[in-house]
Amino acid sequence: MSDPEITREENDSKGRYMLRQEGGTAELTYSRLGGAVIIIDHTAVPDALRGTGAGRRLVERAVADARAEGRKIVPLCPFTKAQIDRTPEWQDVLQGR
């Protein structure tokens, strides 16, 4: 199976990442707080994609984009917070660090 692409949509106040693959679409949503902070509020992974790493890949992409764009992340979503907490190399993008 080929590696599915993560797509991103963003407007002035909100955004989302989507990973489409056989079995459904996983999604991570966020709100923008000015130009320098994103608040990740939800990660949804359909049952068919659970255990495939789809959710983690979405968080990884959000972290990479935050770094590239000079943004910080506030992880309100428990899944995203847990992923960042257990990955020390991602913690530099947390708001307040």
PDB file of N, CA and C in Angstrom:
ATOM      1  N   MET A   1       0.852  -1.187   0.000  1.00  0.00           N
ATOM      2  CA  MET A   1       0.000   0.000   0.000  1.00  0.00           C
ATOM      3  C   MET A   1       0.889   1.238   0.000  1.00  0.00           C
ATOM      4  N   SER A   2       0.526   2.224  -0.795  1.00  0.00           N
ATOM      5  CA  SER A   2       1.326   3.444  -0.851  1.00  0.00           C
ATOM      6  C   SER A   2       1.077   4.293   0.389  1.00  0.00           C
ATOM      7  N   ASP A   3       2.016   5.161   0.676  1.00  0.00           N
ATOM      8  CA  ASP A   3       1.921   6.044   1.832  1.00  0.00           C
ATOM      9  C   ASP A   3       0.912   7.144   1.539  1.00  0.00           C
ATOM     10  N   PRO A   4      -0.170   7.226   2.320  1.00  0.00           N
ATOM     11  CA  PRO A   4      -1.165   8.258   2.047  1.00  0.00           C
ATOM     12  C   PRO A   4      -0.646   9.651   2.391  1.00  0.00           C
ATOM     13  N   GLU A   5      -1.120  10.612   1.656  1.00  0.00           N
ATOM     14  CA  GLU A   5      -0.694  11.998   1.863  1.00  0.00           C
ATOM     15  C   GLU A   5      -1.599  12.699   2.865  1.00  0.00           C
ATOM     16  N   ILE A   6      -0.993  13.504   3.699  1.00  0.00           N
ATOM     17  CA  ILE A   6      -1.743  14.330   4.642  1.00  0.00           C
ATOM     18  C   ILE A   6      -2.002  15.671   3.966  1.00  0.00           C
ATOM     19  N   THR A   7      -3.256  16.079   3.966  1.00  0.00           N
ATOM     20  CA  THR A   7      -3.603  17.374   3.402  1.00  0.00           C
ATOM     21  C   THR A   7      -3.939  18.340   4.530  1.00  0.00           C
ATOM     22  N   ARG A   8      -3.837  19.622   4.237  1.00  0.00           N
ATOM     23  CA  ARG A   8      -4.086  20.662   5.231  1.00  0.00           C
ATOM     24  C   ARG A   8      -4.965  21.736   4.623  1.00  0.00           C
ATOM     25  N   GLU A   9      -5.932  22.162   5.420  1.00  0.00           N
ATOM     26  CA  GLU A   9      -6.783  23.295   5.052  1.00  0.00           C
ATOM     27  C   GLU A   9      -6.702  24.293   6.194  1.00  0.00           C
ATOM     28  N   GLU A  10      -6.603  25.586   5.847  1.00  0.00           N
ATOM     29  CA  GLU A  10      -6.520  26.600   6.896  1.00  0.00           C
ATOM     30  C   GLU A  10      -7.151  27.890   6.406  1.00  0.00           C
ATOM     31  N   ASN A  11      -7.862  28.568   7.309  1.00  0.00           N
ATOM     32  CA  ASN A  11      -8.355  29.900   7.013  1.00  0.00           C
ATOM     33  C   ASN A  11      -7.842  30.840   8.091  1.00  0.00           C
ATOM     34  N   ASP A  12      -8.414  32.002   8.229  1.00  0.00           N
ATOM     35  CA  ASP A  12      -7.896  32.991   9.184  1.00  0.00           C
ATOM     36  C   ASP A  12      -7.976  32.545  10.639  1.00  0.00           C
ATOM     37  N   SER A  13      -8.918  31.660  10.971  1.00  0.00           N
ATOM     38  CA  SER A  13      -9.090  31.315  12.382  1.00  0.00           C
ATOM     39  C   SER A  13      -9.000  29.825  12.699  1.00  0.00           C
ATOM     40  N   LYS A  14      -9.158  28.962  11.731  1.00  0.00           N
ATOM     41  CA  LYS A  14      -9.169  27.519  11.985  1.00  0.00           C
ATOM     42  C   LYS A  14      -8.404  26.762  10.911  1.00  0.00           C
ATOM     43  N   GLY A  15      -8.112  25.516  11.237  1.00  0.00           N
ATOM     44  CA  GLY A  15      -7.459  24.667  10.261  1.00  0.00           C
ATOM     45  C   GLY A  15      -7.662  23.210  10.596  1.00  0.00           C
ATOM     46  N   ARG A  16      -7.282  22.350   9.652  1.00  0.00           N
ATOM     47  CA  ARG A  16      -7.344  20.918   9.894  1.00  0.00           C
ATOM     48  C   ARG A  16      -6.381  20.184   8.982  1.00  0.00           C
ATOM     49  N   TYR A  17      -5.935  19.052   9.488  1.00  0.00           N
ATOM     50  CA  TYR A  17      -5.130  18.115   8.730  1.00  0.00           C
ATOM     51  C   TYR A  17      -5.982  16.877   8.513  1.00  0.00           C
ATOM     52  N   MET A  18      -5.889  16.286   7.329  1.00  0.00           N
ATOM     53  CA  MET A  18      -6.642  15.080   7.032  1.00  0.00           C
ATOM     54  C   MET A  18      -5.718  14.048   6.398  1.00  0.00           C
ATOM     55  N   LEU A  19      -5.879  12.825   6.844  1.00  0.00           N
ATOM     56  CA  LEU A  19      -5.137  11.710   6.282  1.00  0.00           C
ATOM     57  C   LEU A  19      -6.178  10.720   5.776  1.00  0.00           C
ATOM     58  N   ARG A  20      -6.277  10.612   4.452  1.00  0.00           N
ATOM     59  CA  ARG A  20      -7.256   9.706   3.837  1.00  0.00           C
ATOM     60  C   ARG A  20      -6.542   8.434   3.411  1.00  0.00           C
ATOM     61  N   GLN A  21      -7.106   7.318   3.819  1.00  0.00           N
ATOM     62  CA  GLN A  21      -6.599   6.036   3.358  1.00  0.00           C
ATOM     63  C   GLN A  21      -7.732   5.031   3.424  1.00  0.00           C
ATOM     64  N   GLU A  22      -7.509   3.870   2.885  1.00  0.00           N
ATOM     65  CA  GLU A  22      -8.553   2.853   2.908  1.00  0.00           C
ATOM     66  C   GLU A  22      -9.017   2.642   4.342  1.00  0.00           C
ATOM     67  N   GLY A  23     -10.286   2.730   4.557  1.00  0.00           N
ATOM     68  CA  GLY A  23     -10.821   2.600   5.908  1.00  0.00           C
ATOM     69  C   GLY A  23     -11.359   3.903   6.460  1.00  0.00           C
ATOM     70  N   GLY A  24     -11.064   5.025   5.792  1.00  0.00           N
ATOM     71  CA  GLY A  24     -11.619   6.289   6.248  1.00  0.00           C
ATOM     72  C   GLY A  24     -10.637   7.433   6.250  1.00  0.00           C
ATOM     73  N   THR A  25     -11.034   8.492   6.932  1.00  0.00           N
ATOM     74  CA  THR A  25     -10.233   9.711   7.015  1.00  0.00           C
ATOM     75  C   THR A  25      -9.990  10.058   8.473  1.00  0.00           C
ATOM     76  N   ALA A  26      -8.733  10.202   8.837  1.00  0.00           N
ATOM     77  CA  ALA A  26      -8.355  10.681  10.171  1.00  0.00           C
ATOM     78  C   ALA A  26      -8.194  12.191  10.070  1.00  0.00           C
ATOM     79  N   GLU A  27      -8.518  12.894  11.155  1.00  0.00           N
ATOM     80  CA  GLU A  27      -8.517  14.352  11.114  1.00  0.00           C
ATOM     81  C   GLU A  27      -7.999  14.933  12.428  1.00  0.00           C
ATOM     82  N   LEU A  28      -7.240  15.999  12.315  1.00  0.00           N
ATOM     83  CA  LEU A  28      -6.776  16.788  13.459  1.00  0.00           C
ATOM     84  C   LEU A  28      -7.224  18.219  13.189  1.00  0.00           C
ATOM     85  N   THR A  29      -7.941  18.825  14.152  1.00  0.00           N
ATOM     86  CA  THR A  29      -8.424  20.191  13.956  1.00  0.00           C
ATOM     87  C   THR A  29      -7.763  21.136  14.948  1.00  0.00           C
ATOM     88  N   TYR A  30      -7.648  22.390  14.546  1.00  0.00           N
ATOM     89  CA  TYR A  30      -7.028  23.385  15.403  1.00  0.00           C
ATOM     90  C   TYR A  30      -7.619  24.759  15.141  1.00  0.00           C
ATOM     91  N   SER A  31      -7.410  25.637  16.117  1.00  0.00           N
ATOM     92  CA  SER A  31      -7.776  27.051  15.992  1.00  0.00           C
ATOM     93  C   SER A  31      -6.493  27.862  16.029  1.00  0.00           C
ATOM     94  N   ARG A  32      -6.490  28.965  15.312  1.00  0.00           N
ATOM     95  CA  ARG A  32      -5.335  29.859  15.314  1.00  0.00           C
ATOM     96  C   ARG A  32      -5.541  30.937  16.362  1.00  0.00           C
ATOM     97  N   LEU A  33      -4.504  31.195  17.108  1.00  0.00           N
ATOM     98  CA  LEU A  33      -4.504  32.280  18.084  1.00  0.00           C
ATOM     99  C   LEU A  33      -3.463  33.270  17.596  1.00  0.00           C
ATOM    100  N   GLY A  34      -3.899  34.231  16.801  1.00  0.00           N
ATOM    101  CA  GLY A  34      -2.952  35.123  16.146  1.00  0.00           C
ATOM    102  C   GLY A  34      -2.158  34.338  15.115  1.00  0.00           C
ATOM    103  N   GLY A  35      -1.001  34.863  14.774  1.00  0.00           N
ATOM    104  CA  GLY A  35      -0.172  34.189  13.787  1.00  0.00           C
ATOM    105  C   GLY A  35       0.854  33.255  14.368  1.00  0.00           C
ATOM    106  N   ALA A  36       1.000  33.265  15.696  1.00  0.00           N
ATOM    107  CA  ALA A  36       2.110  32.545  16.297  1.00  0.00           C
ATOM    108  C   ALA A  36       1.725  31.312  17.098  1.00  0.00           C
ATOM    109  N   VAL A  37       0.419  31.053  17.303  1.00  0.00           N
ATOM    110  CA  VAL A  37       0.004  29.933  18.149  1.00  0.00           C
ATOM    111  C   VAL A  37      -1.156  29.193  17.493  1.00  0.00           C
ATOM    112  N   ILE A  38      -1.104  27.856  17.549  1.00  0.00           N
ATOM    113  CA  ILE A  38      -2.261  27.057  17.173  1.00  0.00           C
ATOM    114  C   ILE A  38      -2.693  26.238  18.375  1.00  0.00           C
ATOM    115  N   ILE A  39      -4.000  26.119  18.538  1.00  0.00           N
ATOM    116  CA  ILE A  39      -4.583  25.339  19.629  1.00  0.00           C
ATOM    117  C   ILE A  39      -5.186  24.090  18.999  1.00  0.00           C
ATOM    118  N   ILE A  40      -4.545  22.944  19.220  1.00  0.00           N
ATOM    119  CA  ILE A  40      -5.066  21.697  18.674  1.00  0.00           C
ATOM    120  C   ILE A  40      -6.171  21.222  19.603  1.00  0.00           C
ATOM    121  N   ASP A  41      -7.399  21.140  19.049  1.00  0.00           N
ATOM    122  CA  ASP A  41      -8.544  20.839  19.901  1.00  0.00           C
ATOM    123  C   ASP A  41      -9.137  19.454  19.704  1.00  0.00           C
ATOM    124  N   HIS A  42      -8.805  18.771  18.622  1.00  0.00           N
ATOM    125  CA  HIS A  42      -9.443  17.473  18.409  1.00  0.00           C
ATOM    126  C   HIS A  42      -8.651  16.640  17.409  1.00  0.00           C
ATOM    127  N   THR A  43      -8.556  15.358  17.694  1.00  0.00           N
ATOM    128  CA  THR A  43      -8.024  14.383  16.754  1.00  0.00           C
ATOM    129  C   THR A  43      -9.039  13.253  16.666  1.00  0.00           C
ATOM    130  N   ALA A  44      -9.455  12.920  15.455  1.00  0.00           N
ATOM    131  CA  ALA A  44     -10.434  11.855  15.257  1.00  0.00           C
ATOM    132  C   ALA A  44      -9.861  10.831  14.283  1.00  0.00           C
ATOM    133  N   VAL A  45      -9.893   9.570  14.715  1.00  0.00           N
ATOM    134  CA  VAL A  45      -9.414   8.476  13.875  1.00  0.00           C
ATOM    135  C   VAL A  45     -10.532   7.433  13.816  1.00  0.00           C
ATOM    136  N   PRO A  46     -11.013   7.110  12.612  1.00  0.00           N
ATOM    137  CA  PRO A  46     -12.073   6.108  12.526  1.00  0.00           C
ATOM    138  C   PRO A  46     -11.582   4.745  13.019  1.00  0.00           C
ATOM    139  N   ASP A  47     -12.508   3.934  13.482  1.00  0.00           N
ATOM    140  CA  ASP A  47     -12.162   2.621  14.032  1.00  0.00           C
ATOM    141  C   ASP A  47     -11.285   1.807  13.089  1.00  0.00           C
ATOM    142  N   ALA A  48     -11.563   1.869  11.793  1.00  0.00           N
ATOM    143  CA  ALA A  48     -10.795   1.086  10.819  1.00  0.00           C
ATOM    144  C   ALA A  48      -9.327   1.500  10.739  1.00  0.00           C
ATOM    145  N   LEU A  49      -8.997   2.721  11.204  1.00  0.00           N
ATOM    146  CA  LEU A  49      -7.610   3.199  11.135  1.00  0.00           C
ATOM    147  C   LEU A  49      -6.907   3.185  12.496  1.00  0.00           C
ATOM    148  N   ARG A  50      -7.623   2.813  13.541  1.00  0.00           N
ATOM    149  CA  ARG A  50      -6.992   2.786  14.868  1.00  0.00           C
ATOM    150  C   ARG A  50      -5.861   1.763  14.876  1.00  0.00           C
ATOM    151  N   GLY A  51      -4.766   2.122  15.517  1.00  0.00           N
ATOM    152  CA  GLY A  51      -3.610   1.240  15.591  1.00  0.00           C
ATOM    153  C   GLY A  51      -2.708   1.281  14.374  1.00  0.00           C
ATOM    154  N   THR A  52      -3.011   2.142  13.413  1.00  0.00           N
ATOM    155  CA  THR A  52      -2.195   2.226  12.199  1.00  0.00           C
ATOM    156  C   THR A  52      -1.163   3.350  12.259  1.00  0.00           C
ATOM    157  N   GLY A  53      -1.224   4.162  13.311  1.00  0.00           N
ATOM    158  CA  GLY A  53      -0.325   5.297  13.414  1.00  0.00           C
ATOM    159  C   GLY A  53      -0.857   6.550  12.734  1.00  0.00           C
ATOM    160  N   ALA A  54      -2.093   6.502  12.257  1.00  0.00           N
ATOM    161  CA  ALA A  54      -2.663   7.646  11.534  1.00  0.00           C
ATOM    162  C   ALA A  54      -2.717   8.894  12.412  1.00  0.00           C
ATOM    163  N   GLY A  55      -3.187   8.762  13.644  1.00  0.00           N
ATOM    164  CA  GLY A  55      -3.268   9.915  14.548  1.00  0.00           C
ATOM    165  C   GLY A  55      -1.901  10.499  14.842  1.00  0.00           C
ATOM    166  N   ARG A  56      -0.943   9.646  15.108  1.00  0.00           N
ATOM    167  CA  ARG A  56       0.411  10.114  15.393  1.00  0.00           C
ATOM    168  C   ARG A  56       1.008  10.838  14.189  1.00  0.00           C
ATOM    169  N   ARG A  57       0.745  10.338  12.992  1.00  0.00           N
ATOM    170  CA  ARG A  57       1.253  11.002  11.793  1.00  0.00           C
ATOM    171  C   ARG A  57       0.681  12.402  11.647  1.00  0.00           C
ATOM    172  N   LEU A  58      -0.596  12.587  12.013  1.00  0.00           N
ATOM    173  CA  LEU A  58      -1.197  13.917  11.958  1.00  0.00           C
ATOM    174  C   LEU A  58      -0.516  14.871  12.936  1.00  0.00           C
ATOM    175  N   VAL A  59      -0.265  14.380  14.151  1.00  0.00           N
ATOM    176  CA  VAL A  59       0.422  15.221  15.145  1.00  0.00           C
ATOM    177  C   VAL A  59       1.832  15.550  14.668  1.00  0.00           C
ATOM    178  N   GLU A  60       2.514  14.569  14.132  1.00  0.00           N
ATOM    179  CA  GLU A  60       3.878  14.779  13.630  1.00  0.00           C
ATOM    180  C   GLU A  60       3.895  15.861  12.552  1.00  0.00           C
ATOM    181  N   ARG A  61       2.924  15.838  11.652  1.00  0.00           N
ATOM    182  CA  ARG A  61       2.845  16.854  10.594  1.00  0.00           C
ATOM    183  C   ARG A  61       2.554  18.235  11.182  1.00  0.00           C
ATOM    184  N   ALA A  62       1.639  18.297  12.172  1.00  0.00           N
ATOM    185  CA  ALA A  62       1.335  19.588  12.808  1.00  0.00           C
ATOM    186  C   ALA A  62       2.568  20.159  13.499  1.00  0.00           C
ATOM    187  N   VAL A  63       3.337  19.305  14.151  1.00  0.00           N
ATOM    188  CA  VAL A  63       4.568  19.741  14.814  1.00  0.00           C
ATOM    189  C   VAL A  63       5.567  20.252  13.780  1.00  0.00           C
ATOM    190  N   ALA A  64       5.746  19.509  12.703  1.00  0.00           N
ATOM    191  CA  ALA A  64       6.694  19.924  11.656  1.00  0.00           C
ATOM    192  C   ALA A  64       6.283  21.263  11.042  1.00  0.00           C
ATOM    193  N   ASP A  65       4.993  21.424  10.764  1.00  0.00           N
ATOM    194  CA  ASP A  65       4.530  22.690  10.191  1.00  0.00           C
ATOM    195  C   ASP A  65       4.687  23.837  11.183  1.00  0.00           C
ATOM    196  N   ALA A  66       4.397  23.586  12.460  1.00  0.00           N
ATOM    197  CA  ALA A  66       4.560  24.632  13.482  1.00  0.00           C
ATOM    198  C   ALA A  66       6.012  25.101  13.523  1.00  0.00           C
ATOM    199  N   ARG A  67       6.936  24.167  13.499  1.00  0.00           N
ATOM    200  CA  ARG A  67       8.363  24.534  13.491  1.00  0.00           C
ATOM    201  C   ARG A  67       8.702  25.367  12.263  1.00  0.00           C
ATOM    202  N   ALA A  68       8.292  24.892  11.113  1.00  0.00           N
ATOM    203  CA  ALA A  68       8.626  25.565   9.857  1.00  0.00           C
ATOM    204  C   ALA A  68       8.041  26.969   9.781  1.00  0.00           C
ATOM    205  N   GLU A  69       6.897  27.184  10.444  1.00  0.00           N
ATOM    206  CA  GLU A  69       6.199  28.460  10.379  1.00  0.00           C
ATOM    207  C   GLU A  69       6.436  29.336  11.607  1.00  0.00           C
ATOM    208  N   GLY A  70       7.276  28.877  12.533  1.00  0.00           N
ATOM    209  CA  GLY A  70       7.566  29.651  13.731  1.00  0.00           C
ATOM    210  C   GLY A  70       6.397  29.758  14.686  1.00  0.00           C
ATOM    211  N   ARG A  71       5.537  28.753  14.695  1.00  0.00           N
ATOM    212  CA  ARG A  71       4.365  28.747  15.574  1.00  0.00           C
ATOM    213  C   ARG A  71       4.611  27.875  16.803  1.00  0.00           C
ATOM    214  N   LYS A  72       3.824  28.110  17.820  1.00  0.00           N
ATOM    215  CA  LYS A  72       3.813  27.268  19.013  1.00  0.00           C
ATOM    216  C   LYS A  72       2.469  26.545  19.062  1.00  0.00           C
ATOM    217  N   ILE A  73       2.423  25.445  19.803  1.00  0.00           N
ATOM    218  CA  ILE A  73       1.223  24.617  19.904  1.00  0.00           C
ATOM    219  C   ILE A  73       0.729  24.581  21.339  1.00  0.00           C
ATOM    220  N   VAL A  74      -0.585  24.722  21.506  1.00  0.00           N
ATOM    221  CA  VAL A  74      -1.271  24.463  22.770  1.00  0.00           C
ATOM    222  C   VAL A  74      -2.102  23.203  22.515  1.00  0.00           C
ATOM    223  N   PRO A  75      -1.721  22.063  23.109  1.00  0.00           N
ATOM    224  CA  PRO A  75      -2.429  20.810  22.827  1.00  0.00           C
ATOM    225  C   PRO A  75      -3.602  20.571  23.788  1.00  0.00           C
ATOM    226  N   LEU A  76      -4.778  21.096  23.475  1.00  0.00           N
ATOM    227  CA  LEU A  76      -5.960  20.837  24.295  1.00  0.00           C
ATOM    228  C   LEU A  76      -6.479  19.418  24.082  1.00  0.00           C
ATOM    229  N   CYS A  77      -6.272  18.872  22.920  1.00  0.00           N
ATOM    230  CA  CYS A  77      -6.687  17.503  22.616  1.00  0.00           C
ATOM    231  C   CYS A  77      -5.850  16.520  23.441  1.00  0.00           C
ATOM    232  N   PRO A  78      -6.476  15.652  24.229  1.00  0.00           N
ATOM    233  CA  PRO A  78      -5.722  14.708  25.057  1.00  0.00           C
ATOM    234  C   PRO A  78      -4.799  13.794  24.257  1.00  0.00           C
ATOM    235  N   PHE A  79      -5.219  13.361  23.083  1.00  0.00           N
ATOM    236  CA  PHE A  79      -4.370  12.496  22.265  1.00  0.00           C
ATOM    237  C   PHE A  79      -3.109  13.235  21.832  1.00  0.00           C
ATOM    238  N   THR A  80      -3.289  14.449  21.319  1.00  0.00           N
ATOM    239  CA  THR A  80      -2.139  15.245  20.877  1.00  0.00           C
ATOM    240  C   THR A  80      -1.206  15.541  22.038  1.00  0.00           C
ATOM    241  N   LYS A  81      -1.770  15.909  23.187  1.00  0.00           N
ATOM    242  CA  LYS A  81      -0.943  16.190  24.361  1.00  0.00           C
ATOM    243  C   LYS A  81      -0.118  14.969  24.745  1.00  0.00           C
ATOM    244  N   ALA A  82      -0.744  13.795  24.750  1.00  0.00           N
ATOM    245  CA  ALA A  82      -0.033  12.560  25.108  1.00  0.00           C
ATOM    246  C   ALA A  82       1.091  12.267  24.114  1.00  0.00           C
ATOM    247  N   GLN A  83       0.833  12.465  22.823  1.00  0.00           N
ATOM    248  CA  GLN A  83       1.862  12.203  21.815  1.00  0.00           C
ATOM    249  C   GLN A  83       3.056  13.145  21.984  1.00  0.00           C
ATOM    250  N   ILE A  84       2.787  14.415  22.216  1.00  0.00           N
ATOM    251  CA  ILE A  84       3.876  15.380  22.395  1.00  0.00           C
ATOM    252  C   ILE A  84       4.612  15.115  23.704  1.00  0.00           C
ATOM    253  N   ASP A  85       3.873  14.804  24.766  1.00  0.00           N
ATOM    254  CA  ASP A  85       4.508  14.514  26.063  1.00  0.00           C
ATOM    255  C   ASP A  85       5.460  13.334  25.980  1.00  0.00           C
ATOM    256  N   ARG A  86       5.123  12.327  25.180  1.00  0.00           N
ATOM    257  CA  ARG A  86       5.989  11.141  25.122  1.00  0.00           C
ATOM    258  C   ARG A  86       7.048  11.216  24.025  1.00  0.00           C
ATOM    259  N   THR A  87       7.125  12.358  23.339  1.00  0.00           N
ATOM    260  CA  THR A  87       8.120  12.533  22.278  1.00  0.00           C
ATOM    261  C   THR A  87       8.944  13.786  22.595  1.00  0.00           C
ATOM    262  N   PRO A  88      10.046  13.617  23.322  1.00  0.00           N
ATOM    263  CA  PRO A  88      10.827  14.782  23.774  1.00  0.00           C
ATOM    264  C   PRO A  88      11.252  15.724  22.645  1.00  0.00           C
ATOM    265  N   GLU A  89      11.543  15.202  21.476  1.00  0.00           N
ATOM    266  CA  GLU A  89      12.003  16.075  20.390  1.00  0.00           C
ATOM    267  C   GLU A  89      10.892  16.951  19.815  1.00  0.00           C
ATOM    268  N   TRP A  90       9.659  16.743  20.221  1.00  0.00           N
ATOM    269  CA  TRP A  90       8.557  17.594  19.769  1.00  0.00           C
ATOM    270  C   TRP A  90       8.214  18.697  20.776  1.00  0.00           C
ATOM    271  N   GLN A  91       8.725  18.614  21.959  1.00  0.00           N
ATOM    272  CA  GLN A  91       8.290  19.516  23.019  1.00  0.00           C
ATOM    273  C   GLN A  91       8.742  20.957  22.832  1.00  0.00           C
ATOM    274  N   ASP A  92       9.673  21.197  21.935  1.00  0.00           N
ATOM    275  CA  ASP A  92      10.120  22.572  21.676  1.00  0.00           C
ATOM    276  C   ASP A  92       9.026  23.435  21.055  1.00  0.00           C
ATOM    277  N   VAL A  93       7.993  22.819  20.489  1.00  0.00           N
ATOM    278  CA  VAL A  93       6.927  23.605  19.870  1.00  0.00           C
ATOM    279  C   VAL A  93       5.796  23.943  20.828  1.00  0.00           C
ATOM    280  N   LEU A  94       5.874  23.464  22.064  1.00  0.00           N
ATOM    281  CA  LEU A  94       4.828  23.763  23.040  1.00  0.00           C
ATOM    282  C   LEU A  94       4.853  25.227  23.447  1.00  0.00           C
ATOM    283  N   GLN A  95       3.691  25.832  23.559  1.00  0.00           N
ATOM    284  CA  GLN A  95       3.571  27.204  24.048  1.00  0.00           C
ATOM    285  C   GLN A  95       4.179  27.274  25.448  1.00  0.00           C
ATOM    286  N   GLY A  96       4.995  28.274  25.687  1.00  0.00           N
ATOM    287  CA  GLY A  96       5.616  28.447  26.994  1.00  0.00           C
ATOM    288  C   GLY A  96       6.975  27.779  27.134  1.00  0.00           C
ATOM    289  N   ARG A  97       7.458  27.179  26.055  1.00  0.00           N
ATOM    290  CA  ARG A  97       8.795  26.563  26.095  1.00  0.00           C
ATOM    291  C   ARG A  97       9.723  27.251  25.136  1.00  0.00           C
TER     292      ARG A  97
END
